[in-house]
Amino acid sequence: MAKIQARNVDDVLYQRIEASAMRNERSIEGEVRTALRDYYQPAVEVVPALTKRESWQQQTGQRLQWLFDRLKADGLLDKWKSDKPADTTDIVRVARMIDNSPGKLMDYLDGLDDVSAELTDKLSTHFGVSSDWLLTGEGSPFAVIRLGSRGFTEFFLPPEGGNFTFELIRIRKGRHEGTLIILRTCTDTGHTEVGVVTEAFYLGSGMGSGGYGNLKHFLKFLKSRGAHLTLNTYEFTPPDPDFDFWSVIGHHHAVWYQDARLRSTTRWLQQVFNGEDPGGWFSSGWAPLLKEIGDMPFGQDENKSQPAHDVREGD
């Protein structure tokens, strides 16, 4: 370490240093070293506190960055997927997709400007992200429609009409095996919405009478009023079979459920319509229910009860 020698030190100053060293139980050399260190300590820059507006701008910018990172990781911005954060190229790509200025989008990401309602509406339309989550951080990033025991009509046959294709995806393996996820894609706009059945029933064995009753109503609805719909069925194997459900569902873009590496085509719906048991789902005394579904003609209107309304999460 460097050395410093000082000559011609004023006697009074030396006495003061000596007295201070005695009080602090240090040598004179140690006292001088401490005094020099304290005097030449780098100045601490005082960062002014953020205003509420500045804090909100930064938080919305962080949520935007998370969104773009997720879209890239899910394979929407990069078909090969990537765990790397979205870079300038990805941001420019998003800006072109939503007809927005790349520079303005970067200002939002850096927390330099207010995220506008117009931008959140564009992002919601193109990517299915929740506008409320973007602006407040509340709810799920991506909207999810929770389908109840009878809340299927409005999802499969929306009042506003339109042409749709449906992907019925059964979770395979893990503690959520049998859970049904449904993707509804408008063929005119390409926009996809995600629905999920979490409580009414699951596609598997071991349910009680309520679960099997709800499953029967659902299947008979599809075979009757939904006979004209385009329905494709799959099984989805999540990367982590024991994932925490609501920390995953609603936190991925719909394209994640379409990853060919995670899902495979199956015939479970056609099997049930034909009165065949896909995998012991109707064992333990429920075979008559399966036969009832199999014997039911396609297109016959069940029309037994008024369906309940769907409950939308994340909007």
Protein backbone atom coordinates (compact mmCIF):
# COMPACT_ATOMS: atom_id res chain seq x y z
CA MET A 1 0.00 0.00 0.00
CA ALA A 2 1.09 3.62 -0.57
CA LYS A 3 2.92 5.60 2.09
CA ILE A 4 2.64 9.31 2.98
CA GLN A 5 5.17 11.31 4.98
CA ALA A 6 4.24 14.76 6.33
CA ARG A 7 6.83 17.31 7.53
CA ASN A 8 6.54 20.68 9.23
CA VAL A 9 3.24 19.79 10.90
CA ASP A 10 2.03 22.66 13.08
CA ASP A 11 2.59 21.85 16.77
CA VAL A 12 -0.98 22.77 17.75
CA LEU A 13 -2.38 20.57 14.97
CA TYR A 14 -0.11 17.71 16.07
CA GLN A 15 -1.35 18.04 19.66
CA ARG A 16 -4.94 17.89 18.49
CA ILE A 17 -4.21 14.76 16.46
CA GLU A 18 -2.44 13.21 19.42
CA ALA A 19 -5.32 13.98 21.78
CA SER A 20 -7.85 12.53 19.32
CA ALA A 21 -5.76 9.37 18.91
CA MET A 22 -5.72 8.89 22.70
CA ARG A 23 -9.50 9.29 22.93
CA ASN A 24 -10.03 6.75 20.16
CA GLU A 25 -7.34 4.42 21.49
CA ARG A 26 -5.44 4.52 18.23
CA SER A 27 -1.86 5.28 17.26
CA ILE A 28 -1.17 8.68 15.77
CA GLU A 29 -0.58 6.98 12.40
CA GLY A 30 -3.94 5.17 12.68
CA GLU A 31 -5.69 8.40 13.66
CA VAL A 32 -4.26 10.24 10.64
CA ARG A 33 -5.17 7.33 8.33
CA THR A 34 -8.77 7.32 9.62
CA ALA A 35 -9.10 11.08 9.28
CA LEU A 36 -7.82 11.00 5.70
CA ARG A 37 -10.16 8.13 4.77
CA ASP A 38 -13.20 9.93 6.23
CA TYR A 39 -12.31 13.24 4.63
CA TYR A 40 -11.76 11.83 1.16
CA GLN A 41 -14.69 9.38 1.22
CA PRO A 42 -16.45 9.47 -2.19
CA ALA A 43 -19.46 11.72 -2.16
CA VAL A 44 -22.74 9.80 -1.95
CA GLU A 45 -25.13 10.88 -4.64
CA VAL A 46 -28.55 11.56 -3.21
CA VAL A 47 -31.15 10.14 -5.58
CA PRO A 48 -34.40 12.10 -5.39
CA ALA A 49 -37.48 10.08 -4.55
CA LEU A 50 -39.68 9.16 -7.49
CA THR A 51 -43.03 10.82 -7.85
CA LYS A 52 -46.09 8.59 -8.04
CA ARG A 53 -46.25 9.19 -11.77
CA GLU A 54 -42.59 8.30 -12.29
CA SER A 55 -42.98 5.17 -10.17
CA TRP A 56 -46.03 4.09 -12.21
CA GLN A 57 -44.16 4.73 -15.47
CA GLN A 58 -41.31 2.50 -14.35
CA GLN A 59 -43.64 -0.25 -13.16
CA THR A 60 -45.61 -0.30 -16.41
CA GLY A 61 -42.32 -0.32 -18.32
CA GLN A 62 -41.22 -3.38 -16.33
CA ARG A 63 -44.51 -5.14 -17.09
CA LEU A 64 -44.10 -4.37 -20.79
CA GLN A 65 -40.61 -5.85 -20.71
CA TRP A 66 -41.95 -8.96 -18.97
CA LEU A 67 -44.65 -9.26 -21.64
CA PHE A 68 -42.18 -9.06 -24.53
CA ASP A 69 -39.85 -11.53 -22.80
CA ARG A 70 -42.78 -13.93 -22.35
CA LEU A 71 -43.95 -13.58 -25.96
CA LYS A 72 -40.43 -14.42 -27.07
CA ALA A 73 -40.08 -17.36 -24.67
CA ASP A 74 -43.49 -18.76 -25.71
CA GLY A 75 -42.44 -18.72 -29.35
CA LEU A 76 -44.62 -15.92 -30.69
CA LEU A 77 -41.78 -13.52 -31.51
CA ASP A 78 -39.20 -16.24 -32.10
CA LYS A 79 -40.38 -19.60 -33.43
CA TRP A 80 -37.33 -21.27 -31.89
CA LYS A 81 -38.19 -19.87 -28.48
CA SER A 82 -35.60 -18.22 -26.27
CA ASP A 83 -35.03 -17.59 -22.59
CA LYS A 84 -33.06 -14.46 -23.42
CA PRO A 85 -34.77 -11.12 -22.79
CA ALA A 86 -36.48 -9.45 -25.74
CA ASP A 87 -33.93 -7.24 -27.50
CA THR A 88 -34.18 -4.23 -29.81
CA THR A 89 -35.01 -6.43 -32.80
CA ASP A 90 -37.93 -8.00 -30.92
CA ILE A 91 -39.22 -4.59 -29.79
CA VAL A 92 -39.11 -3.28 -33.36
CA ARG A 93 -40.97 -6.41 -34.51
CA VAL A 94 -43.70 -5.84 -31.91
CA ALA A 95 -43.94 -2.16 -32.88
CA ARG A 96 -44.52 -3.11 -36.52
CA MET A 97 -47.13 -5.69 -35.57
CA ILE A 98 -49.19 -3.13 -33.62
CA ASP A 99 -48.41 -0.17 -35.93
CA ASN A 100 -46.59 1.79 -33.25
CA SER A 101 -43.36 3.82 -33.18
CA PRO A 102 -40.41 1.65 -32.02
CA GLY A 103 -38.84 4.67 -30.32
CA LYS A 104 -42.04 5.44 -28.44
CA LEU A 105 -42.28 1.82 -27.36
CA MET A 106 -38.71 1.98 -26.02
CA ASP A 107 -39.59 5.13 -24.08
CA TYR A 108 -42.41 3.19 -22.42
CA LEU A 109 -40.03 0.35 -21.58
CA ASP A 110 -37.55 2.78 -20.03
CA GLY A 111 -40.28 4.38 -17.94
CA LEU A 112 -39.93 7.73 -19.67
CA ASP A 113 -43.54 8.21 -20.72
CA ASP A 114 -47.09 7.25 -19.79
CA VAL A 115 -48.34 4.01 -21.35
CA SER A 116 -51.46 5.06 -23.22
CA ALA A 117 -54.82 3.30 -23.26
CA GLU A 118 -54.50 3.14 -27.06
CA LEU A 119 -51.30 1.08 -26.71
CA THR A 120 -52.80 -1.32 -24.17
CA ASP A 121 -55.82 -1.82 -26.44
CA LYS A 122 -53.52 -2.67 -29.36
CA LEU A 123 -51.51 -5.11 -27.25
CA SER A 124 -54.73 -6.67 -25.95
CA THR A 125 -56.08 -7.12 -29.48
CA HIS A 126 -52.89 -8.57 -30.95
CA PHE A 127 -51.57 -10.62 -28.04
CA GLY A 128 -54.51 -11.23 -25.72
CA VAL A 129 -52.79 -9.46 -22.84
CA SER A 130 -54.95 -7.93 -20.10
CA SER A 131 -55.10 -4.13 -20.34
CA ASP A 132 -55.87 -3.94 -16.62
CA TRP A 133 -52.75 -5.97 -15.77
CA LEU A 134 -50.57 -3.76 -17.96
CA LEU A 135 -51.80 -0.57 -16.33
CA THR A 136 -52.22 -1.73 -12.71
CA GLY A 137 -50.41 -5.04 -12.28
CA GLU A 138 -53.59 -6.66 -10.98
CA GLY A 139 -54.98 -9.95 -12.28
CA SER A 140 -53.33 -12.28 -14.77
CA PRO A 141 -51.20 -11.05 -17.68
CA PHE A 142 -53.26 -13.04 -20.19
CA ALA A 143 -57.04 -13.25 -19.97
CA VAL A 144 -58.50 -16.65 -19.10
CA ILE A 145 -62.19 -17.54 -19.24
CA ARG A 146 -63.23 -19.87 -16.42
CA LEU A 147 -65.99 -22.13 -17.71
CA GLY A 148 -68.52 -23.27 -15.10
CA SER A 149 -70.73 -26.34 -15.04
CA ARG A 150 -73.14 -24.95 -17.65
CA GLY A 151 -71.25 -21.91 -18.98
CA PHE A 152 -70.35 -23.30 -22.38
CA THR A 153 -72.88 -21.77 -24.72
CA GLU A 154 -71.46 -18.25 -24.81
CA PHE A 155 -67.93 -19.57 -25.28
CA PHE A 156 -68.71 -22.00 -28.10
CA LEU A 157 -71.61 -20.03 -29.57
CA PRO A 158 -70.88 -16.34 -28.81
CA PRO A 159 -73.87 -14.00 -29.27
CA GLU A 160 -71.90 -11.74 -31.62
CA GLY A 161 -71.40 -14.65 -34.00
CA GLY A 162 -68.30 -15.31 -36.06
CA ASN A 163 -66.32 -18.22 -37.44
CA PHE A 164 -64.20 -20.11 -34.92
CA THR A 165 -62.07 -23.19 -34.54
CA PHE A 166 -61.66 -24.86 -31.14
CA GLU A 167 -58.76 -26.78 -29.67
CA LEU A 168 -59.73 -28.98 -26.70
CA ILE A 169 -56.53 -29.68 -24.79
CA ARG A 170 -56.40 -32.21 -21.96
CA ILE A 171 -53.50 -31.88 -19.51
CA ARG A 172 -51.59 -35.15 -19.37
CA LYS A 173 -49.63 -36.26 -16.27
CA GLY A 174 -49.05 -34.50 -12.98
CA ARG A 175 -51.45 -33.29 -10.33
CA HIS A 176 -53.56 -31.40 -12.89
CA GLU A 177 -54.05 -34.38 -15.19
CA GLY A 178 -57.45 -34.31 -16.85
CA THR A 179 -57.90 -30.53 -16.64
CA LEU A 180 -59.42 -29.20 -19.87
CA ILE A 181 -58.04 -26.10 -21.61
CA ILE A 182 -59.92 -24.78 -24.64
CA LEU A 183 -58.52 -22.40 -27.26
CA ARG A 184 -61.05 -20.48 -29.34
CA THR A 185 -59.58 -18.90 -32.46
CA CYS A 186 -61.49 -16.54 -34.71
CA THR A 187 -60.70 -17.55 -38.28
CA ASP A 188 -61.41 -14.02 -39.52
CA THR A 189 -58.99 -12.17 -37.21
CA GLY A 190 -56.68 -14.92 -35.93
CA HIS A 191 -57.36 -13.79 -32.35
CA THR A 192 -57.28 -16.64 -29.79
CA GLU A 193 -58.95 -16.74 -26.38
CA VAL A 194 -58.25 -19.27 -23.65
CA GLY A 195 -60.92 -21.02 -21.60
CA VAL A 196 -60.35 -23.49 -18.79
CA VAL A 197 -62.53 -25.92 -16.83
CA THR A 198 -61.16 -26.20 -13.30
CA GLU A 199 -64.02 -27.16 -11.00
CA ALA A 200 -66.98 -28.50 -12.97
CA PHE A 201 -65.28 -31.73 -14.10
CA TYR A 202 -62.06 -33.20 -15.39
CA LEU A 203 -61.32 -35.72 -18.11
CA GLY A 204 -60.52 -38.79 -16.07
CA SER A 205 -61.89 -41.27 -13.57
CA GLY A 206 -62.75 -40.88 -9.91
CA MET A 207 -65.23 -37.99 -9.99
CA GLY A 208 -68.44 -37.92 -7.99
CA SER A 209 -71.95 -37.73 -9.40
CA GLY A 210 -71.74 -33.94 -9.74
CA GLY A 211 -68.58 -34.08 -11.81
CA TYR A 212 -69.89 -36.82 -14.08
CA GLY A 213 -73.18 -34.97 -14.43
CA ASN A 214 -71.38 -31.81 -15.52
CA LEU A 215 -69.21 -33.80 -17.92
CA LYS A 216 -72.32 -35.40 -19.44
CA HIS A 217 -73.96 -32.01 -20.03
CA PHE A 218 -70.75 -30.71 -21.62
CA LEU A 219 -70.33 -33.67 -23.98
CA LYS A 220 -73.99 -33.74 -24.95
CA PHE A 221 -73.85 -30.00 -25.64
CA LEU A 222 -70.88 -30.51 -28.00
CA LYS A 223 -72.58 -33.43 -29.75
CA SER A 224 -75.86 -31.59 -30.16
CA ARG A 225 -75.62 -27.81 -30.50
CA GLY A 226 -71.89 -27.95 -31.20
CA ALA A 227 -72.09 -30.64 -33.88
CA HIS A 228 -71.29 -28.10 -36.62
CA LEU A 229 -68.22 -26.68 -34.84
CA THR A 230 -64.61 -27.42 -35.79
CA LEU A 231 -63.27 -29.27 -32.74
CA ASN A 232 -59.69 -30.57 -32.55
CA THR A 233 -58.47 -32.56 -29.54
CA TYR A 234 -55.02 -32.81 -28.00
CA GLU A 235 -53.12 -33.86 -24.91
CA PHE A 236 -50.66 -31.41 -23.38
CA THR A 237 -47.68 -32.43 -21.24
CA PRO A 238 -46.48 -29.41 -19.22
CA PRO A 239 -42.71 -29.05 -18.67
CA ASP A 240 -43.30 -29.33 -14.92
CA PRO A 241 -46.07 -31.89 -14.23
CA ASP A 242 -46.65 -30.58 -10.69
CA PHE A 243 -46.81 -26.88 -11.58
CA ASP A 244 -48.78 -24.37 -9.56
CA PHE A 245 -51.88 -23.96 -11.72
CA TRP A 246 -52.65 -20.23 -11.58
CA SER A 247 -48.99 -19.21 -11.69
CA VAL A 248 -48.84 -20.85 -15.14
CA ILE A 249 -52.37 -20.62 -16.56
CA GLY A 250 -52.89 -16.96 -17.43
CA HIS A 251 -49.14 -16.34 -17.55
CA HIS A 252 -48.54 -17.72 -21.04
CA HIS A 253 -49.73 -16.71 -24.48
CA ALA A 254 -52.11 -19.13 -26.19
CA VAL A 255 -49.35 -20.15 -28.62
CA TRP A 256 -47.59 -21.91 -25.71
CA TYR A 257 -50.35 -24.52 -25.61
CA GLN A 258 -49.84 -25.15 -29.33
CA ASP A 259 -46.18 -26.13 -29.01
CA ALA A 260 -45.79 -29.43 -30.86
CA ARG A 261 -43.07 -30.45 -28.41
CA LEU A 262 -45.55 -30.28 -25.52
CA ARG A 263 -48.75 -31.59 -27.07
CA SER A 264 -49.94 -34.37 -29.34
CA THR A 265 -53.10 -35.07 -31.34
CA THR A 266 -55.57 -37.48 -29.70
CA ARG A 267 -59.04 -38.92 -30.42
CA TRP A 268 -60.54 -38.78 -26.94
CA LEU A 269 -63.56 -36.69 -27.95
CA GLN A 270 -64.38 -38.86 -30.97
CA GLN A 271 -63.99 -41.95 -28.80
CA VAL A 272 -66.50 -40.67 -26.25
CA PHE A 273 -68.93 -39.64 -28.99
CA ASN A 274 -68.69 -43.22 -30.28
CA GLY A 275 -69.38 -44.65 -26.82
CA GLU A 276 -65.76 -45.73 -26.28
CA ASP A 277 -63.87 -45.11 -23.03
CA PRO A 278 -60.58 -43.28 -23.78
CA GLY A 279 -58.77 -44.55 -20.69
CA GLY A 280 -61.01 -45.85 -17.95
CA TRP A 281 -62.67 -42.48 -17.44
CA PHE A 282 -66.11 -44.06 -17.06
CA SER A 283 -65.15 -47.04 -14.94
CA SER A 284 -66.61 -47.72 -11.49
CA GLY A 285 -70.23 -47.78 -12.60
CA TRP A 286 -70.36 -44.88 -15.07
CA ALA A 287 -70.51 -46.96 -18.25
CA PRO A 288 -74.28 -46.23 -18.72
CA LEU A 289 -73.49 -42.51 -18.94
CA LEU A 290 -70.94 -43.20 -21.67
CA LYS A 291 -73.49 -45.35 -23.53
CA GLU A 292 -76.06 -42.54 -23.29
CA ILE A 293 -73.63 -40.16 -24.93
CA GLY A 294 -72.66 -42.69 -27.57
CA ASP A 295 -76.29 -43.44 -28.45
CA MET A 296 -77.20 -39.78 -28.82
CA PRO A 297 -77.47 -38.71 -32.50
CA PHE A 298 -75.30 -35.81 -33.69
CA GLY A 299 -77.15 -32.53 -33.92
CA GLN A 300 -79.97 -33.45 -31.55
CA ASP A 301 -80.73 -30.35 -29.47
CA GLU A 302 -80.55 -31.29 -25.79
CA ASN A 303 -82.12 -27.97 -24.67
CA LYS A 304 -82.59 -29.07 -21.10
CA SER A 305 -81.43 -26.09 -19.09
CA GLN A 306 -80.34 -22.51 -19.38
CA PRO A 307 -76.53 -22.25 -19.31
CA ALA A 308 -74.85 -20.07 -16.71
CA HIS A 309 -72.61 -17.19 -17.70
CA ASP A 310 -68.87 -17.64 -18.18
CA VAL A 311 -66.56 -16.00 -15.63
CA ARG A 312 -63.63 -14.16 -17.20
CA GLU A 313 -60.35 -13.90 -15.32
CA GLY A 314 -57.71 -11.31 -16.14
CA ASP A 315 -59.82 -8.64 -17.82
